[in-house]
Amino acid sequence: MSTRGDKIATWIFRGIIFCLGILLLAAAVKMWDKIGVRGWILFCMLIGLFMGYGIGGDIWGARLFDLFSGRNSQRQVEQNCDRASNVLRLFLLVILLALFSLFIFSLYLRHRT
């Protein structure tokens, strides 16, 4: 059974990993035209893994990683984790995806001018 301190440490670590995903996203946007398709796929896999883990743990990290890699690592993670899904995590995911879309749109507008 996990203690409160373990849960706090896990949330801090997830926050750090999520921030690393945002830094990877910023690096990928800076190298917009310098990396090819393989580079974009690699960046998307890592960004999905980091941001997914930061949002919802192992299962969401595997889901977003699988989205860009085409692998089926989600099934392996689900076998080791319980299937209890939290509505708050899903709501947080929707909010973060909306903010991410606004961020990308603002970068597009800056790049256009």
PDB file of N, CA and C in Angstrom:
ATOM      1  N   MET A   1       0.845  -1.175   0.000  1.00  0.00           N
ATOM      2  CA  MET A   1       0.000   0.000   0.000  1.00  0.00           C
ATOM      3  C   MET A   1       0.892   1.240   0.000  1.00  0.00           C
ATOM      4  N   SER A   2       0.546   2.197  -0.817  1.00  0.00           N
ATOM      5  CA  SER A   2       1.371   3.395  -0.921  1.00  0.00           C
ATOM      6  C   SER A   2       0.972   4.421   0.134  1.00  0.00           C
ATOM      7  N   THR A   3       1.941   5.110   0.592  1.00  0.00           N
ATOM      8  CA  THR A   3       1.695   6.143   1.585  1.00  0.00           C
ATOM      9  C   THR A   3       1.468   7.472   0.891  1.00  0.00           C
ATOM     10  N   ARG A   4       1.100   8.448   1.686  1.00  0.00           N
ATOM     11  CA  ARG A   4       0.846   9.772   1.125  1.00  0.00           C
ATOM     12  C   ARG A   4       2.125  10.370   0.545  1.00  0.00           C
ATOM     13  N   GLY A   5       3.248  10.123   1.192  1.00  0.00           N
ATOM     14  CA  GLY A   5       4.525  10.625   0.692  1.00  0.00           C
ATOM     15  C   GLY A   5       4.887  10.037  -0.658  1.00  0.00           C
ATOM     16  N   ASP A   6       4.565   8.751  -0.844  1.00  0.00           N
ATOM     17  CA  ASP A   6       4.823   8.128  -2.146  1.00  0.00           C
ATOM     18  C   ASP A   6       3.971   8.753  -3.240  1.00  0.00           C
ATOM     19  N   LYS A   7       2.728   9.041  -2.919  1.00  0.00           N
ATOM     20  CA  LYS A   7       1.850   9.661  -3.910  1.00  0.00           C
ATOM     21  C   LYS A   7       2.326  11.059  -4.274  1.00  0.00           C
ATOM     22  N   ILE A   8       2.770  11.806  -3.283  1.00  0.00           N
ATOM     23  CA  ILE A   8       3.280  13.157  -3.557  1.00  0.00           C
ATOM     24  C   ILE A   8       4.536  13.088  -4.418  1.00  0.00           C
ATOM     25  N   ALA A   9       5.418  12.161  -4.107  1.00  0.00           N
ATOM     26  CA  ALA A   9       6.636  12.005  -4.904  1.00  0.00           C
ATOM     27  C   ALA A   9       6.306  11.594  -6.335  1.00  0.00           C
ATOM     28  N   THR A  10       5.304  10.742  -6.490  1.00  0.00           N
ATOM     29  CA  THR A  10       4.895  10.324  -7.829  1.00  0.00           C
ATOM     30  C   THR A  10       4.350  11.503  -8.619  1.00  0.00           C
ATOM     31  N   TRP A  11       3.530  12.335  -7.998  1.00  0.00           N
ATOM     32  CA  TRP A  11       2.975  13.502  -8.700  1.00  0.00           C
ATOM     33  C   TRP A  11       4.069  14.505  -9.047  1.00  0.00           C
ATOM     34  N   ILE A  12       5.051  14.670  -8.176  1.00  0.00           N
ATOM     35  CA  ILE A  12       6.168  15.577  -8.490  1.00  0.00           C
ATOM     36  C   ILE A  12       6.957  15.044  -9.675  1.00  0.00           C
ATOM     37  N   PHE A  13       7.223  13.739  -9.663  1.00  0.00           N
ATOM     38  CA  PHE A  13       7.958  13.138 -10.771  1.00  0.00           C
ATOM     39  C   PHE A  13       7.174  13.239 -12.075  1.00  0.00           C
ATOM     40  N   ARG A  14       5.869  13.022 -12.016  1.00  0.00           N
ATOM     41  CA  ARG A  14       5.041  13.159 -13.217  1.00  0.00           C
ATOM     42  C   ARG A  14       5.072  14.588 -13.740  1.00  0.00           C
ATOM     43  N   GLY A  15       5.073  15.555 -12.844  1.00  0.00           N
ATOM     44  CA  GLY A  15       5.174  16.956 -13.259  1.00  0.00           C
ATOM     45  C   GLY A  15       6.489  17.247 -13.954  1.00  0.00           C
ATOM     46  N   ILE A  16       7.570  16.691 -13.433  1.00  0.00           N
ATOM     47  CA  ILE A  16       8.889  16.892 -14.042  1.00  0.00           C
ATOM     48  C   ILE A  16       8.926  16.254 -15.430  1.00  0.00           C
ATOM     49  N   ILE A  17       8.400  15.042 -15.545  1.00  0.00           N
ATOM     50  CA  ILE A  17       8.385  14.358 -16.843  1.00  0.00           C
ATOM     51  C   ILE A  17       7.507  15.117 -17.839  1.00  0.00           C
ATOM     52  N   PHE A  18       6.372  15.647 -17.378  1.00  0.00           N
ATOM     53  CA  PHE A  18       5.511  16.432 -18.261  1.00  0.00           C
ATOM     54  C   PHE A  18       6.250  17.671 -18.753  1.00  0.00           C
ATOM     55  N   CYS A  19       6.987  18.338 -17.884  1.00  0.00           N
ATOM     56  CA  CYS A  19       7.765  19.517 -18.289  1.00  0.00           C
ATOM     57  C   CYS A  19       8.851  19.136 -19.296  1.00  0.00           C
ATOM     58  N   LEU A  20       9.466  17.975 -19.134  1.00  0.00           N
ATOM     59  CA  LEU A  20      10.439  17.514 -20.122  1.00  0.00           C
ATOM     60  C   LEU A  20       9.774  17.281 -21.481  1.00  0.00           C
ATOM     61  N   GLY A  21       8.544  16.799 -21.464  1.00  0.00           N
ATOM     62  CA  GLY A  21       7.803  16.637 -22.714  1.00  0.00           C
ATOM     63  C   GLY A  21       7.543  17.971 -23.393  1.00  0.00           C
ATOM     64  N   ILE A  22       7.226  18.986 -22.591  1.00  0.00           N
ATOM     65  CA  ILE A  22       7.013  20.324 -23.155  1.00  0.00           C
ATOM     66  C   ILE A  22       8.321  20.879 -23.721  1.00  0.00           C
ATOM     67  N   LEU A  23       9.441  20.622 -23.034  1.00  0.00           N
ATOM     68  CA  LEU A  23      10.739  21.059 -23.556  1.00  0.00           C
ATOM     69  C   LEU A  23      11.070  20.346 -24.867  1.00  0.00           C
ATOM     70  N   LEU A  24      10.756  19.071 -24.961  1.00  0.00           N
ATOM     71  CA  LEU A  24      10.957  18.355 -26.222  1.00  0.00           C
ATOM     72  C   LEU A  24      10.088  18.936 -27.326  1.00  0.00           C
ATOM     73  N   LEU A  25       8.870  19.307 -26.987  1.00  0.00           N
ATOM     74  CA  LEU A  25       7.981  19.923 -27.958  1.00  0.00           C
ATOM     75  C   LEU A  25       8.555  21.252 -28.444  1.00  0.00           C
ATOM     76  N   ALA A  26       9.074  22.056 -27.530  1.00  0.00           N
ATOM     77  CA  ALA A  26       9.675  23.332 -27.911  1.00  0.00           C
ATOM     78  C   ALA A  26      10.906  23.115 -28.796  1.00  0.00           C
ATOM     79  N   ALA A  27      11.698  22.102 -28.474  1.00  0.00           N
ATOM     80  CA  ALA A  27      12.873  21.805 -29.296  1.00  0.00           C
ATOM     81  C   ALA A  27      12.460  21.350 -30.691  1.00  0.00           C
ATOM     82  N   ALA A  28      11.399  20.551 -30.771  1.00  0.00           N
ATOM     83  CA  ALA A  28      10.928  20.082 -32.077  1.00  0.00           C
ATOM     84  C   ALA A  28      10.386  21.232 -32.910  1.00  0.00           C
ATOM     85  N   VAL A  29       9.702  22.173 -32.270  1.00  0.00           N
ATOM     86  CA  VAL A  29       9.163  23.320 -33.000  1.00  0.00           C
ATOM     87  C   VAL A  29      10.302  24.211 -33.485  1.00  0.00           C
ATOM     88  N   LYS A  30      11.359  24.340 -32.685  1.00  0.00           N
ATOM     89  CA  LYS A  30      12.499  25.158 -33.107  1.00  0.00           C
ATOM     90  C   LYS A  30      13.210  24.560 -34.310  1.00  0.00           C
ATOM     91  N   MET A  31      13.231  23.229 -34.369  1.00  0.00           N
ATOM     92  CA  MET A  31      13.890  22.551 -35.486  1.00  0.00           C
ATOM     93  C   MET A  31      12.866  22.143 -36.533  1.00  0.00           C
ATOM     94  N   TRP A  32      11.874  22.960 -36.756  1.00  0.00           N
ATOM     95  CA  TRP A  32      10.717  22.669 -37.603  1.00  0.00           C
ATOM     96  C   TRP A  32      11.104  22.085 -38.949  1.00  0.00           C
ATOM     97  N   ASP A  33      12.002  22.753 -39.660  1.00  0.00           N
ATOM     98  CA  ASP A  33      12.318  22.329 -41.021  1.00  0.00           C
ATOM     99  C   ASP A  33      13.653  21.600 -41.129  1.00  0.00           C
ATOM    100  N   LYS A  34      14.383  21.473 -40.028  1.00  0.00           N
ATOM    101  CA  LYS A  34      15.692  20.827 -40.077  1.00  0.00           C
ATOM    102  C   LYS A  34      15.619  19.317 -39.927  1.00  0.00           C
ATOM    103  N   ILE A  35      14.572  18.813 -39.296  1.00  0.00           N
ATOM    104  CA  ILE A  35      14.452  17.365 -39.103  1.00  0.00           C
ATOM    105  C   ILE A  35      13.476  16.811 -40.123  1.00  0.00           C
ATOM    106  N   GLY A  36      13.718  15.596 -40.536  1.00  0.00           N
ATOM    107  CA  GLY A  36      12.860  14.971 -41.530  1.00  0.00           C
ATOM    108  C   GLY A  36      11.675  14.269 -40.883  1.00  0.00           C
ATOM    109  N   VAL A  37      11.060  13.424 -41.666  1.00  0.00           N
ATOM    110  CA  VAL A  37       9.880  12.698 -41.192  1.00  0.00           C
ATOM    111  C   VAL A  37      10.254  11.750 -40.055  1.00  0.00           C
ATOM    112  N   ARG A  38      11.377  11.069 -40.171  1.00  0.00           N
ATOM    113  CA  ARG A  38      11.805  10.157 -39.101  1.00  0.00           C
ATOM    114  C   ARG A  38      12.073  10.918 -37.803  1.00  0.00           C
ATOM    115  N   GLY A  39      12.642  12.077 -37.913  1.00  0.00           N
ATOM    116  CA  GLY A  39      12.877  12.895 -36.718  1.00  0.00           C
ATOM    117  C   GLY A  39      11.581  13.334 -36.067  1.00  0.00           C
ATOM    118  N   TRP A  40      10.598  13.698 -36.895  1.00  0.00           N
ATOM    119  CA  TRP A  40       9.304  14.101 -36.352  1.00  0.00           C
ATOM    120  C   TRP A  40       8.612  12.939 -35.658  1.00  0.00           C
ATOM    121  N   ILE A  41       8.700  11.758 -36.247  1.00  0.00           N
ATOM    122  CA  ILE A  41       8.077  10.593 -35.622  1.00  0.00           C
ATOM    123  C   ILE A  41       8.753  10.295 -34.282  1.00  0.00           C
ATOM    124  N   LEU A  42      10.073  10.384 -34.247  1.00  0.00           N
ATOM    125  CA  LEU A  42      10.791  10.155 -32.995  1.00  0.00           C
ATOM    126  C   LEU A  42      10.407  11.180 -31.933  1.00  0.00           C
ATOM    127  N   PHE A  43      10.381  12.451 -32.317  1.00  0.00           N
ATOM    128  CA  PHE A  43       9.984  13.489 -31.371  1.00  0.00           C
ATOM    129  C   PHE A  43       8.547  13.271 -30.893  1.00  0.00           C
ATOM    130  N   CYS A  44       7.644  12.928 -31.799  1.00  0.00           N
ATOM    131  CA  CYS A  44       6.248  12.708 -31.409  1.00  0.00           C
ATOM    132  C   CYS A  44       6.113  11.525 -30.461  1.00  0.00           C
ATOM    133  N   MET A  45       6.869  10.457 -30.701  1.00  0.00           N
ATOM    134  CA  MET A  45       6.811   9.310 -29.792  1.00  0.00           C
ATOM    135  C   MET A  45       7.279   9.698 -28.395  1.00  0.00           C
ATOM    136  N   LEU A  46       8.397  10.402 -28.315  1.00  0.00           N
ATOM    137  CA  LEU A  46       8.929  10.787 -27.003  1.00  0.00           C
ATOM    138  C   LEU A  46       8.042  11.813 -26.314  1.00  0.00           C
ATOM    139  N   ILE A  47       7.534  12.768 -27.074  1.00  0.00           N
ATOM    140  CA  ILE A  47       6.645  13.766 -26.484  1.00  0.00           C
ATOM    141  C   ILE A  47       5.370  13.095 -25.977  1.00  0.00           C
ATOM    142  N   GLY A  48       4.821  12.185 -26.764  1.00  0.00           N
ATOM    143  CA  GLY A  48       3.632  11.457 -26.330  1.00  0.00           C
ATOM    144  C   GLY A  48       3.895  10.626 -25.094  1.00  0.00           C
ATOM    145  N   LEU A  49       5.035   9.972 -25.046  1.00  0.00           N
ATOM    146  CA  LEU A  49       5.385   9.168 -23.878  1.00  0.00           C
ATOM    147  C   LEU A  49       5.529  10.026 -22.635  1.00  0.00           C
ATOM    148  N   PHE A  50       6.273  11.115 -22.734  1.00  0.00           N
ATOM    149  CA  PHE A  50       6.517  11.968 -21.569  1.00  0.00           C
ATOM    150  C   PHE A  50       5.252  12.679 -21.110  1.00  0.00           C
ATOM    151  N   MET A  51       4.543  13.299 -22.055  1.00  0.00           N
ATOM    152  CA  MET A  51       3.347  14.050 -21.659  1.00  0.00           C
ATOM    153  C   MET A  51       2.229  13.108 -21.218  1.00  0.00           C
ATOM    154  N   GLY A  52       2.121  11.957 -21.862  1.00  0.00           N
ATOM    155  CA  GLY A  52       1.115  10.986 -21.452  1.00  0.00           C
ATOM    156  C   GLY A  52       1.371  10.453 -20.051  1.00  0.00           C
ATOM    157  N   TYR A  53       2.632  10.173 -19.745  1.00  0.00           N
ATOM    158  CA  TYR A  53       2.945   9.706 -18.393  1.00  0.00           C
ATOM    159  C   TYR A  53       2.680  10.810 -17.377  1.00  0.00           C
ATOM    160  N   GLY A  54       3.001  12.032 -17.739  1.00  0.00           N
ATOM    161  CA  GLY A  54       2.764  13.145 -16.823  1.00  0.00           C
ATOM    162  C   GLY A  54       1.287  13.371 -16.573  1.00  0.00           C
ATOM    163  N   ILE A  55       0.444  13.126 -17.565  1.00  0.00           N
ATOM    164  CA  ILE A  55      -0.993  13.345 -17.409  1.00  0.00           C
ATOM    165  C   ILE A  55      -1.659  12.215 -16.641  1.00  0.00           C
ATOM    166  N   GLY A  56      -1.406  10.977 -17.060  1.00  0.00           N
ATOM    167  CA  GLY A  56      -2.193   9.896 -16.486  1.00  0.00           C
ATOM    168  C   GLY A  56      -1.436   8.658 -16.090  1.00  0.00           C
ATOM    169  N   GLY A  57      -0.147   8.721 -16.024  1.00  0.00           N
ATOM    170  CA  GLY A  57       0.603   7.561 -15.585  1.00  0.00           C
ATOM    171  C   GLY A  57       0.994   6.638 -16.723  1.00  0.00           C
ATOM    172  N   ASP A  58       1.245   5.392 -16.358  1.00  0.00           N
ATOM    173  CA  ASP A  58       1.770   4.422 -17.312  1.00  0.00           C
ATOM    174  C   ASP A  58       0.832   4.170 -18.485  1.00  0.00           C
ATOM    175  N   ILE A  59      -0.452   4.056 -18.210  1.00  0.00           N
ATOM    176  CA  ILE A  59      -1.393   3.703 -19.271  1.00  0.00           C
ATOM    177  C   ILE A  59      -1.485   4.816 -20.319  1.00  0.00           C
ATOM    178  N   TRP A  60      -1.615   6.062 -19.886  1.00  0.00           N
ATOM    179  CA  TRP A  60      -1.710   7.164 -20.847  1.00  0.00           C
ATOM    180  C   TRP A  60      -0.383   7.387 -21.567  1.00  0.00           C
ATOM    181  N   GLY A  61       0.732   7.157 -20.890  1.00  0.00           N
ATOM    182  CA  GLY A  61       2.021   7.233 -21.564  1.00  0.00           C
ATOM    183  C   GLY A  61       2.126   6.213 -22.681  1.00  0.00           C
ATOM    184  N   ALA A  62       1.658   4.993 -22.396  1.00  0.00           N
ATOM    185  CA  ALA A  62       1.686   3.935 -23.411  1.00  0.00           C
ATOM    186  C   ALA A  62       0.717   4.249 -24.548  1.00  0.00           C
ATOM    187  N   ARG A  63      -0.455   4.784 -24.228  1.00  0.00           N
ATOM    188  CA  ARG A  63      -1.428   5.117 -25.274  1.00  0.00           C
ATOM    189  C   ARG A  63      -0.886   6.165 -26.235  1.00  0.00           C
ATOM    190  N   LEU A  64      -0.320   7.244 -25.704  1.00  0.00           N
ATOM    191  CA  LEU A  64       0.186   8.302 -26.582  1.00  0.00           C
ATOM    192  C   LEU A  64       1.457   7.872 -27.301  1.00  0.00           C
ATOM    193  N   PHE A  65       2.253   7.002 -26.681  1.00  0.00           N
ATOM    194  CA  PHE A  65       3.425   6.453 -27.355  1.00  0.00           C
ATOM    195  C   PHE A  65       2.989   5.582 -28.522  1.00  0.00           C
ATOM    196  N   ASP A  66       1.968   4.749 -28.294  1.00  0.00           N
ATOM    197  CA  ASP A  66       1.463   3.868 -29.343  1.00  0.00           C
ATOM    198  C   ASP A  66       0.823   4.640 -30.485  1.00  0.00           C
ATOM    199  N   LEU A  67       0.285   5.796 -30.195  1.00  0.00           N
ATOM    200  CA  LEU A  67      -0.347   6.613 -31.215  1.00  0.00           C
ATOM    201  C   LEU A  67       0.631   6.945 -32.333  1.00  0.00           C
ATOM    202  N   PHE A  68       1.890   7.209 -31.987  1.00  0.00           N
ATOM    203  CA  PHE A  68       2.878   7.599 -32.988  1.00  0.00           C
ATOM    204  C   PHE A  68       3.826   6.476 -33.384  1.00  0.00           C
ATOM    205  N   SER A  69       3.948   5.445 -32.552  1.00  0.00           N
ATOM    206  CA  SER A  69       4.906   4.390 -32.864  1.00  0.00           C
ATOM    207  C   SER A  69       4.280   3.218 -33.597  1.00  0.00           C
ATOM    208  N   GLY A  70       2.968   3.016 -33.442  1.00  0.00           N
ATOM    209  CA  GLY A  70       2.310   1.892 -34.080  1.00  0.00           C
ATOM    210  C   GLY A  70       2.515   0.577 -33.341  1.00  0.00           C
ATOM    211  N   ARG A  71       3.102   0.626 -32.175  1.00  0.00           N
ATOM    212  CA  ARG A  71       3.307  -0.584 -31.371  1.00  0.00           C
ATOM    213  C   ARG A  71       2.082  -0.821 -30.501  1.00  0.00           C
ATOM    214  N   ASN A  72       2.093  -1.920 -29.777  1.00  0.00           N
ATOM    215  CA  ASN A  72       0.978  -2.249 -28.903  1.00  0.00           C
ATOM    216  C   ASN A  72       1.473  -2.408 -27.470  1.00  0.00           C
ATOM    217  N   SER A  73       2.182  -1.431 -26.973  1.00  0.00           N
ATOM    218  CA  SER A  73       2.700  -1.501 -25.609  1.00  0.00           C
ATOM    219  C   SER A  73       1.613  -1.237 -24.575  1.00  0.00           C
ATOM    220  N   GLN A  74       0.505  -0.672 -24.992  1.00  0.00           N
ATOM    221  CA  GLN A  74      -0.592  -0.394 -24.067  1.00  0.00           C
ATOM    222  C   GLN A  74      -1.128  -1.678 -23.461  1.00  0.00           C
ATOM    223  N   ARG A  75      -1.210  -2.733 -24.229  1.00  0.00           N
ATOM    224  CA  ARG A  75      -1.727  -4.007 -23.731  1.00  0.00           C
ATOM    225  C   ARG A  75      -0.834  -4.563 -22.626  1.00  0.00           C
ATOM    226  N   GLN A  76       0.475  -4.432 -22.784  1.00  0.00           N
ATOM    227  CA  GLN A  76       1.390  -4.918 -21.762  1.00  0.00           C
ATOM    228  C   GLN A  76       1.267  -4.114 -20.475  1.00  0.00           C
ATOM    229  N   VAL A  77       1.079  -2.822 -20.612  1.00  0.00           N
ATOM    230  CA  VAL A  77       0.940  -1.979 -19.426  1.00  0.00           C
ATOM    231  C   VAL A  77      -0.375  -2.272 -18.725  1.00  0.00           C
ATOM    232  N   GLU A  78      -1.445  -2.460 -19.493  1.00  0.00           N
ATOM    233  CA  GLU A  78      -2.745  -2.728 -18.887  1.00  0.00           C
ATOM    234  C   GLU A  78      -2.768  -4.052 -18.137  1.00  0.00           C
ATOM    235  N   GLN A  79      -1.974  -5.014 -18.556  1.00  0.00           N
ATOM    236  CA  GLN A  79      -1.911  -6.281 -17.845  1.00  0.00           C
ATOM    237  C   GLN A  79      -1.296  -6.109 -16.463  1.00  0.00           C
ATOM    238  N   ASN A  80      -0.406  -5.130 -16.326  1.00  0.00           N
ATOM    239  CA  ASN A  80       0.280  -4.915 -15.050  1.00  0.00           C
ATOM    240  C   ASN A  80      -0.402  -3.883 -14.166  1.00  0.00           C
ATOM    241  N   CYS A  81      -1.337  -3.124 -14.700  1.00  0.00           N
ATOM    242  CA  CYS A  81      -1.997  -2.068 -13.938  1.00  0.00           C
ATOM    243  C   CYS A  81      -3.475  -2.389 -13.776  1.00  0.00           C
ATOM    244  N   ASP A  82      -4.084  -1.763 -12.813  1.00  0.00           N
ATOM    245  CA  ASP A  82      -5.527  -1.924 -12.673  1.00  0.00           C
ATOM    246  C   ASP A  82      -6.226  -1.020 -13.680  1.00  0.00           C
ATOM    247  N   ARG A  83      -7.447  -1.344 -14.039  1.00  0.00           N
ATOM    248  CA  ARG A  83      -8.182  -0.638 -15.084  1.00  0.00           C
ATOM    249  C   ARG A  83      -9.004   0.524 -14.557  1.00  0.00           C
ATOM    250  N   ALA A  84      -8.831   0.860 -13.298  1.00  0.00           N
ATOM    251  CA  ALA A  84      -9.635   1.941 -12.720  1.00  0.00           C
ATOM    252  C   ALA A  84      -9.249   3.250 -13.394  1.00  0.00           C
ATOM    253  N   SER A  85     -10.209   3.845 -14.083  1.00  0.00           N
ATOM    254  CA  SER A  85      -9.975   5.100 -14.781  1.00  0.00           C
ATOM    255  C   SER A  85     -10.589   6.234 -13.982  1.00  0.00           C
ATOM    256  N   ASN A  86      -9.879   7.306 -13.887  1.00  0.00           N
ATOM    257  CA  ASN A  86     -10.323   8.439 -13.110  1.00  0.00           C
ATOM    258  C   ASN A  86     -10.860   9.511 -14.047  1.00  0.00           C
ATOM    259  N   VAL A  87     -12.048  10.020 -13.773  1.00  0.00           N
ATOM    260  CA  VAL A  87     -12.669  11.040 -14.615  1.00  0.00           C
ATOM    261  C   VAL A  87     -11.848  12.332 -14.571  1.00  0.00           C
ATOM    262  N   LEU A  88     -11.247  12.616 -13.439  1.00  0.00           N
ATOM    263  CA  LEU A  88     -10.439  13.824 -13.318  1.00  0.00           C
ATOM    264  C   LEU A  88      -9.250  13.791 -14.270  1.00  0.00           C
ATOM    265  N   ARG A  89      -8.616  12.648 -14.431  1.00  0.00           N
ATOM    266  CA  ARG A  89      -7.493  12.541 -15.362  1.00  0.00           C
ATOM    267  C   ARG A  89      -7.939  12.764 -16.795  1.00  0.00           C
ATOM    268  N   LEU A  90      -9.084  12.229 -17.143  1.00  0.00           N
ATOM    269  CA  LEU A  90      -9.600  12.430 -18.490  1.00  0.00           C
ATOM    270  C   LEU A  90      -9.941  13.899 -18.727  1.00  0.00           C
ATOM    271  N   PHE A  91     -10.529  14.545 -17.743  1.00  0.00           N
ATOM    272  CA  PHE A  91     -10.833  15.970 -17.845  1.00  0.00           C
ATOM    273  C   PHE A  91      -9.543  16.779 -17.975  1.00  0.00           C
ATOM    274  N   LEU A  92      -8.536  16.422 -17.199  1.00  0.00           N
ATOM    275  CA  LEU A  92      -7.238  17.092 -17.275  1.00  0.00           C
ATOM    276  C   LEU A  92      -6.613  16.894 -18.653  1.00  0.00           C
ATOM    277  N   LEU A  93      -6.769  15.706 -19.207  1.00  0.00           N
ATOM    278  CA  LEU A  93      -6.236  15.446 -20.538  1.00  0.00           C
ATOM    279  C   LEU A  93      -6.909  16.334 -21.581  1.00  0.00           C
ATOM    280  N   VAL A  94      -8.209  16.481 -21.499  1.00  0.00           N
ATOM    281  CA  VAL A  94      -8.937  17.330 -22.451  1.00  0.00           C
ATOM    282  C   VAL A  94      -8.490  18.784 -22.319  1.00  0.00           C
ATOM    283  N   ILE A  95      -8.349  19.263 -21.093  1.00  0.00           N
ATOM    284  CA  ILE A  95      -7.887  20.645 -20.863  1.00  0.00           C
ATOM    285  C   ILE A  95      -6.478  20.839 -21.420  1.00  0.00           C
ATOM    286  N   LEU A  96      -5.582  19.898 -21.147  1.00  0.00           N
ATOM    287  CA  LEU A  96      -4.208  20.032 -21.623  1.00  0.00           C
ATOM    288  C   LEU A  96      -4.128  19.947 -23.143  1.00  0.00           C
ATOM    289  N   LEU A  97      -4.943  19.107 -23.754  1.00  0.00           N
ATOM    290  CA  LEU A  97      -4.953  19.050 -25.213  1.00  0.00           C
ATOM    291  C   LEU A  97      -5.485  20.344 -25.824  1.00  0.00           C
ATOM    292  N   ALA A  98      -6.454  20.959 -25.176  1.00  0.00           N
ATOM    293  CA  ALA A  98      -6.956  22.246 -25.650  1.00  0.00           C
ATOM    294  C   ALA A  98      -5.872  23.317 -25.528  1.00  0.00           C
ATOM    295  N   LEU A  99      -5.165  23.337 -24.406  1.00  0.00           N
ATOM    296  CA  LEU A  99      -4.074  24.300 -24.238  1.00  0.00           C
ATOM    297  C   LEU A  99      -2.951  24.037 -25.233  1.00  0.00           C
ATOM    298  N   PHE A 100      -2.658  22.770 -25.480  1.00  0.00           N
ATOM    299  CA  PHE A 100      -1.641  22.404 -26.450  1.00  0.00           C
ATOM    300  C   PHE A 100      -2.035  22.883 -27.850  1.00  0.00           C
ATOM    301  N   SER A 101      -3.301  22.725 -28.206  1.00  0.00           N
ATOM    302  CA  SER A 101      -3.779  23.190 -29.512  1.00  0.00           C
ATOM    303  C   SER A 101      -3.660  24.705 -29.635  1.00  0.00           C
ATOM    304  N   LEU A 102      -3.997  25.429 -28.566  1.00  0.00           N
ATOM    305  CA  LEU A 102      -3.837  26.881 -28.588  1.00  0.00           C
ATOM    306  C   LEU A 102      -2.376  27.284 -28.719  1.00  0.00           C
ATOM    307  N   PHE A 103      -1.489  26.552 -28.062  1.00  0.00           N
ATOM    308  CA  PHE A 103      -0.057  26.825 -28.146  1.00  0.00           C
ATOM    309  C   PHE A 103       0.445  26.626 -29.574  1.00  0.00           C
ATOM    310  N   ILE A 104       0.066  25.524 -30.194  1.00  0.00           N
ATOM    311  CA  ILE A 104       0.489  25.251 -31.571  1.00  0.00           C
ATOM    312  C   ILE A 104      -0.085  26.292 -32.519  1.00  0.00           C
ATOM    313  N   PHE A 105      -1.332  26.690 -32.311  1.00  0.00           N
ATOM    314  CA  PHE A 105      -1.946  27.709 -33.150  1.00  0.00           C
ATOM    315  C   PHE A 105      -1.228  29.046 -33.006  1.00  0.00           C
ATOM    316  N   SER A 106      -0.833  29.412 -31.781  1.00  0.00           N
ATOM    317  CA  SER A 106      -0.099  30.662 -31.595  1.00  0.00           C
ATOM    318  C   SER A 106       1.264  30.608 -32.258  1.00  0.00           C
ATOM    319  N   LEU A 107       1.927  29.438 -32.231  1.00  0.00           N
ATOM    320  CA  LEU A 107       3.200  29.302 -32.925  1.00  0.00           C
ATOM    321  C   LEU A 107       3.002  29.420 -34.428  1.00  0.00           C
ATOM    322  N   TYR A 108       1.911  28.880 -34.924  1.00  0.00           N
ATOM    323  CA  TYR A 108       1.613  28.983 -36.343  1.00  0.00           C
ATOM    324  C   TYR A 108       1.413  30.439 -36.748  1.00  0.00           C
ATOM    325  N   LEU A 109       0.689  31.198 -35.915  1.00  0.00           N
ATOM    326  CA  LEU A 109       0.462  32.601 -36.237  1.00  0.00           C
ATOM    327  C   LEU A 109       1.750  33.401 -36.207  1.00  0.00           C
ATOM    328  N   ARG A 110       2.649  33.093 -35.257  1.00  0.00           N
ATOM    329  CA  ARG A 110       3.946  33.789 -35.221  1.00  0.00           C
ATOM    330  C   ARG A 110       4.784  33.437 -36.432  1.00  0.00           C
ATOM    331  N   HIS A 111       4.748  32.177 -36.823  1.00  0.00           N
ATOM    332  CA  HIS A 111       5.565  31.721 -37.948  1.00  0.00           C
ATOM    333  C   HIS A 111       5.065  32.316 -39.262  1.00  0.00           C
ATOM    334  N   ARG A 112       3.779  32.575 -39.337  1.00  0.00           N
ATOM    335  CA  ARG A 112       3.176  33.127 -40.535  1.00  0.00           C
ATOM    336  C   ARG A 112       3.542  34.581 -40.750  1.00  0.00           C
ATOM    337  N   THR A 113       3.768  35.323 -39.684  1.00  0.00           N
ATOM    338  CA  THR A 113       4.066  36.755 -39.826  1.00  0.00           C
ATOM    339  C   THR A 113       5.540  37.007 -39.969  1.00  0.00           C
TER     340      THR A 113
END
